[in-house]
Amino acid sequence: MSNGSKILLVLAIILVVTGAGFLIGKNTEKKDVENKVENNVNYGNIIDEIVNTKNETINDNVIEKNGDTSNNITSTKQLLLNVMNNKQKFINEDNKEVFFKDFKIVENQTAKVDKYAFVDMDKDGTEELVIYTTSDYGAYVILHYENDKVYGYMIGVRSLENLKTDGSFMGSSGANSSEYSRITFNKNKYSIKTEAVYDETNKVYEIDNTSVSEKEIKEYVEKWNKKENVSWSK
């Protein structure tokens, strides 16, 4: 082989080796890039999973702390309906457990459902079930949920008129005398707080236990009458 041929052969070998090295380098670089991308994706997924888990934990803690979710509210309503429908007992004002069908309105008269409505009467965030009953006496039964128990109370119709969605109501002690009130509960007891009195016969006009003019009480009553009434179900 001539010297010229040897030189060409050496150059050819060098080119082949160099090209192979270049291709190997490119493939290695590509593989490294792919590994980095894959690692970044996996890392991102791990980060997302950690964040989501943390958020779920935070949400669970908030729910547990507040103790008030739509599911809890719904289950409380269902519990009150179950009591009204004689599926479960409640605690009456004598601190005894009874079924609704056995609850005495007065003397031998038991409560029979005519219509009912849910309304938060004591502003504690949980609605009471207010039931208008049919009887010769005429009365409402209020079912109240407190500390995993249901309590029931009887209130005469004249003491609870025009019930509003904000829980306030009117009571009448005479043809020309009206009281505007709210109610609070403590286990098997309840208390009615009178916020305003409009007694035309005796000229007694009060708002928050303070005497006011006839004009002021009329303005109060006019504003109160514009409040939304509860919607009754049957």
Protein backbone atom coordinates (compact mmCIF):
# COMPACT_ATOMS: atom_id res chain seq x y z
CA MET A 1 0.00 0.00 0.00
CA SER A 2 1.33 3.39 -0.93
CA ASN A 3 1.92 6.11 1.58
CA GLY A 4 -0.94 8.13 0.10
CA SER A 5 -3.38 5.25 0.56
CA LYS A 6 -2.25 4.78 4.15
CA ILE A 7 -2.86 8.43 4.87
CA LEU A 8 -6.39 8.26 3.38
CA LEU A 9 -7.16 5.12 5.41
CA VAL A 10 -6.01 6.79 8.65
CA LEU A 11 -8.11 9.86 7.89
CA ALA A 12 -11.15 7.66 7.19
CA ILE A 13 -10.70 5.81 10.48
CA ILE A 14 -10.35 9.10 12.34
CA LEU A 15 -13.56 10.41 10.76
CA VAL A 16 -15.47 7.22 11.64
CA VAL A 17 -14.27 7.29 15.25
CA THR A 18 -14.99 10.99 15.60
CA GLY A 19 -18.51 10.60 14.14
CA ALA A 20 -19.29 7.68 16.40
CA GLY A 21 -18.09 9.63 19.41
CA PHE A 22 -20.20 12.58 18.34
CA LEU A 23 -23.29 10.37 17.99
CA ILE A 24 -22.65 8.71 21.35
CA GLY A 25 -22.25 12.12 22.95
CA LYS A 26 -25.48 13.33 21.37
CA ASN A 27 -27.36 10.25 22.51
CA THR A 28 -25.95 10.59 26.02
CA GLU A 29 -26.87 14.27 26.11
CA LYS A 30 -30.38 13.47 24.85
CA LYS A 31 -30.74 10.77 27.48
CA ASP A 32 -29.59 13.16 30.18
CA VAL A 33 -32.14 15.73 29.04
CA GLU A 34 -34.90 13.12 29.00
CA ASN A 35 -33.92 11.97 32.49
CA LYS A 36 -33.94 15.55 33.75
CA VAL A 37 -37.36 16.20 32.24
CA GLU A 38 -38.71 12.95 33.68
CA ASN A 39 -37.19 13.73 37.07
CA ASN A 40 -38.64 17.24 36.98
CA VAL A 41 -42.08 15.90 36.10
CA ASN A 42 -41.90 13.33 38.88
CA TYR A 43 -40.62 15.96 41.27
CA GLY A 44 -43.45 18.27 40.27
CA ASN A 45 -45.97 15.49 40.83
CA ILE A 46 -44.50 14.80 44.24
CA ILE A 47 -44.71 18.50 45.13
CA ASP A 48 -48.33 18.68 43.93
CA GLU A 49 -49.19 15.59 45.95
CA ILE A 50 -47.62 17.08 49.08
CA VAL A 51 -49.45 20.40 48.58
CA ASN A 52 -52.78 18.69 47.95
CA THR A 53 -52.37 16.47 50.98
CA LYS A 54 -51.51 19.47 53.11
CA ASN A 55 -54.52 21.39 51.81
CA GLU A 56 -56.80 18.43 52.55
CA THR A 57 -55.40 18.26 56.07
CA ILE A 58 -55.96 21.99 56.54
CA ASN A 59 -59.53 21.71 55.24
CA ASP A 60 -60.23 18.75 57.53
CA ASN A 61 -58.89 20.71 60.47
CA VAL A 62 -61.05 23.70 59.59
CA ILE A 63 -64.15 21.51 59.31
CA GLU A 64 -63.32 19.79 62.59
CA LYS A 65 -62.73 23.15 64.30
CA ASN A 66 -65.86 24.82 62.97
CA GLY A 67 -67.97 21.72 63.39
CA ASP A 68 -70.44 23.08 60.87
CA THR A 69 -70.66 21.64 57.37
CA SER A 70 -73.47 21.34 54.88
CA ASN A 71 -73.59 17.58 55.58
CA ASN A 72 -73.89 18.19 59.32
CA ILE A 73 -76.61 20.77 58.74
CA THR A 74 -78.49 18.39 56.46
CA SER A 75 -78.19 15.50 58.92
CA THR A 76 -79.46 17.75 61.74
CA LYS A 77 -82.52 18.70 59.70
CA GLN A 78 -83.15 15.05 58.93
CA LEU A 79 -82.85 14.21 62.62
CA LEU A 80 -85.49 16.83 63.49
CA LEU A 81 -87.77 15.51 60.74
CA ASN A 82 -87.31 11.99 62.09
CA VAL A 83 -88.45 13.19 65.51
CA MET A 84 -91.49 14.91 64.00
CA ASN A 85 -92.31 11.70 62.10
CA ASN A 86 -92.11 9.57 65.26
CA LYS A 87 -88.96 7.72 64.23
CA GLN A 88 -87.01 9.01 67.21
CA LYS A 89 -87.81 10.42 70.62
CA PHE A 90 -87.07 13.92 71.94
CA ILE A 91 -86.75 15.42 75.41
CA ASN A 92 -89.76 17.44 76.55
CA GLU A 93 -89.92 20.32 79.03
CA ASP A 94 -90.31 17.82 81.87
CA ASN A 95 -86.97 16.36 80.83
CA LYS A 96 -88.57 13.10 79.70
CA GLU A 97 -88.03 11.29 76.41
CA VAL A 98 -91.22 11.00 74.35
CA PHE A 99 -92.36 10.41 70.80
CA PHE A 100 -93.96 13.34 69.04
CA LYS A 101 -97.29 11.49 68.74
CA ASP A 102 -97.38 11.15 72.54
CA PHE A 103 -96.45 14.76 73.29
CA LYS A 104 -99.25 16.47 75.17
CA ILE A 105 -100.20 19.96 74.03
CA VAL A 106 -102.57 20.46 76.91
CA GLU A 107 -104.29 17.93 79.15
CA ASN A 108 -105.14 14.97 76.87
CA GLN A 109 -104.53 16.67 73.53
CA THR A 110 -101.58 15.34 71.57
CA ALA A 111 -99.66 17.17 68.84
CA LYS A 112 -100.64 16.58 65.22
CA VAL A 113 -98.63 18.17 62.43
CA ASP A 114 -100.41 20.73 60.27
CA LYS A 115 -97.39 22.53 58.76
CA TYR A 116 -93.75 23.13 59.61
CA ALA A 117 -90.77 25.36 58.82
CA PHE A 118 -87.04 25.46 59.49
CA VAL A 119 -85.70 28.69 60.99
CA ASP A 120 -82.73 29.58 63.18
CA MET A 121 -84.63 31.11 66.09
CA ASP A 122 -81.78 31.53 68.57
CA LYS A 123 -79.15 32.59 65.99
CA ASP A 124 -76.71 29.79 66.88
CA GLY A 125 -76.19 28.71 63.27
CA THR A 126 -78.46 25.64 63.47
CA GLU A 127 -82.08 25.83 62.43
CA GLU A 128 -84.95 24.78 64.66
CA LEU A 129 -87.98 22.90 63.34
CA VAL A 130 -91.12 24.90 64.12
CA ILE A 131 -94.32 22.86 63.85
CA TYR A 132 -97.82 24.26 63.80
CA THR A 133 -100.11 21.66 65.33
CA THR A 134 -103.81 21.11 65.00
CA SER A 135 -105.67 20.95 68.27
CA ASP A 136 -108.55 22.66 70.04
CA TYR A 137 -106.00 24.67 72.01
CA GLY A 138 -103.79 25.67 69.11
CA ALA A 139 -100.04 25.56 69.62
CA TYR A 140 -96.62 25.38 68.08
CA VAL A 141 -94.03 22.76 68.91
CA ILE A 142 -90.41 23.79 68.49
CA LEU A 143 -87.75 21.10 68.09
CA HIS A 144 -84.25 22.26 69.01
CA TYR A 145 -80.94 20.41 68.51
CA GLU A 146 -78.33 20.84 71.25
CA ASN A 147 -75.30 18.72 72.16
CA ASP A 148 -76.43 15.67 70.15
CA LYS A 149 -79.91 15.75 71.68
CA VAL A 150 -83.29 17.03 70.49
CA TYR A 151 -85.47 19.06 72.84
CA GLY A 152 -89.11 20.02 72.26
CA TYR A 153 -91.20 22.91 73.57
CA MET A 154 -94.84 23.93 73.30
CA ILE A 155 -95.83 27.58 72.68
CA GLY A 156 -99.37 28.87 72.26
CA VAL A 157 -100.29 30.36 68.88
CA ARG A 158 -100.96 33.82 70.37
CA SER A 159 -97.42 33.90 71.73
CA LEU A 160 -95.81 33.10 68.39
CA GLU A 161 -97.36 34.92 65.44
CA ASN A 162 -95.94 36.07 62.10
CA LEU A 163 -92.68 34.16 62.44
CA LYS A 164 -89.93 35.76 60.36
CA THR A 165 -86.96 34.15 58.63
CA ASP A 166 -84.59 35.93 61.03
CA GLY A 167 -86.22 34.08 63.96
CA SER A 168 -88.15 37.02 65.39
CA PHE A 169 -91.89 36.80 65.99
CA MET A 170 -94.85 38.67 67.41
CA GLY A 171 -96.92 37.83 70.45
CA SER A 172 -100.29 39.28 71.37
CA SER A 173 -101.62 39.82 74.86
CA GLY A 174 -104.72 41.69 73.73
CA ALA A 175 -106.50 43.30 70.81
CA ASN A 176 -104.33 46.40 70.87
CA SER A 177 -101.19 45.05 72.48
CA SER A 178 -98.29 43.38 70.64
CA GLU A 179 -94.82 42.28 71.64
CA TYR A 180 -91.95 41.64 69.26
CA SER A 181 -89.61 38.99 70.55
CA ARG A 182 -86.89 36.41 70.15
CA ILE A 183 -86.28 33.10 71.86
CA THR A 184 -83.29 31.28 73.35
CA PHE A 185 -82.95 27.68 74.49
CA ASN A 186 -81.12 25.89 77.28
CA LYS A 187 -81.65 22.16 77.10
CA ASN A 188 -85.30 21.52 78.08
CA LYS A 189 -86.00 25.18 78.92
CA TYR A 190 -86.59 28.22 76.75
CA SER A 191 -86.69 31.95 77.36
CA ILE A 192 -88.48 34.65 75.38
CA LYS A 193 -86.86 38.07 75.21
CA THR A 194 -89.16 40.95 74.31
CA GLU A 195 -87.43 43.49 72.10
CA ALA A 196 -90.35 45.89 71.59
CA VAL A 197 -93.83 46.58 73.00
CA TYR A 198 -96.66 48.38 71.22
CA ASP A 199 -99.61 48.69 73.60
CA GLU A 200 -102.10 51.20 72.23
CA THR A 201 -104.61 50.69 75.03
CA ASN A 202 -102.22 51.57 77.85
CA LYS A 203 -99.99 53.85 75.74
CA VAL A 204 -96.92 51.73 76.39
CA TYR A 205 -94.26 52.04 73.68
CA GLU A 206 -90.91 50.39 74.31
CA ILE A 207 -87.86 49.32 72.33
CA ASP A 208 -85.14 47.35 74.13
CA ASN A 209 -86.77 48.12 77.50
CA THR A 210 -86.62 51.85 76.80
CA SER A 211 -89.70 54.06 76.46
CA VAL A 212 -90.05 55.64 73.04
CA SER A 213 -92.58 57.89 71.30
CA GLU A 214 -95.60 56.57 69.46
CA LYS A 215 -93.98 57.65 66.21
CA GLU A 216 -90.84 55.64 66.96
CA ILE A 217 -92.72 52.46 67.84
CA LYS A 218 -94.85 52.75 64.70
CA GLU A 219 -91.69 53.08 62.61
CA TYR A 220 -90.26 50.01 64.35
CA VAL A 221 -93.41 47.97 63.69
CA GLU A 222 -93.58 49.10 60.08
CA LYS A 223 -89.98 48.05 59.50
CA TRP A 224 -90.52 44.73 61.31
CA ASN A 225 -93.60 43.92 59.22
CA LYS A 226 -91.48 44.19 56.07
CA LYS A 227 -89.27 41.30 57.18
CA GLU A 228 -89.69 38.08 55.22
CA ASN A 229 -92.12 35.54 56.65
CA VAL A 230 -91.06 31.89 56.90
CA SER A 231 -92.24 29.47 54.21
CA TRP A 232 -94.32 26.64 55.63
CA SER A 233 -94.24 23.06 54.34
CA LYS A 234 -97.00 20.49 54.73
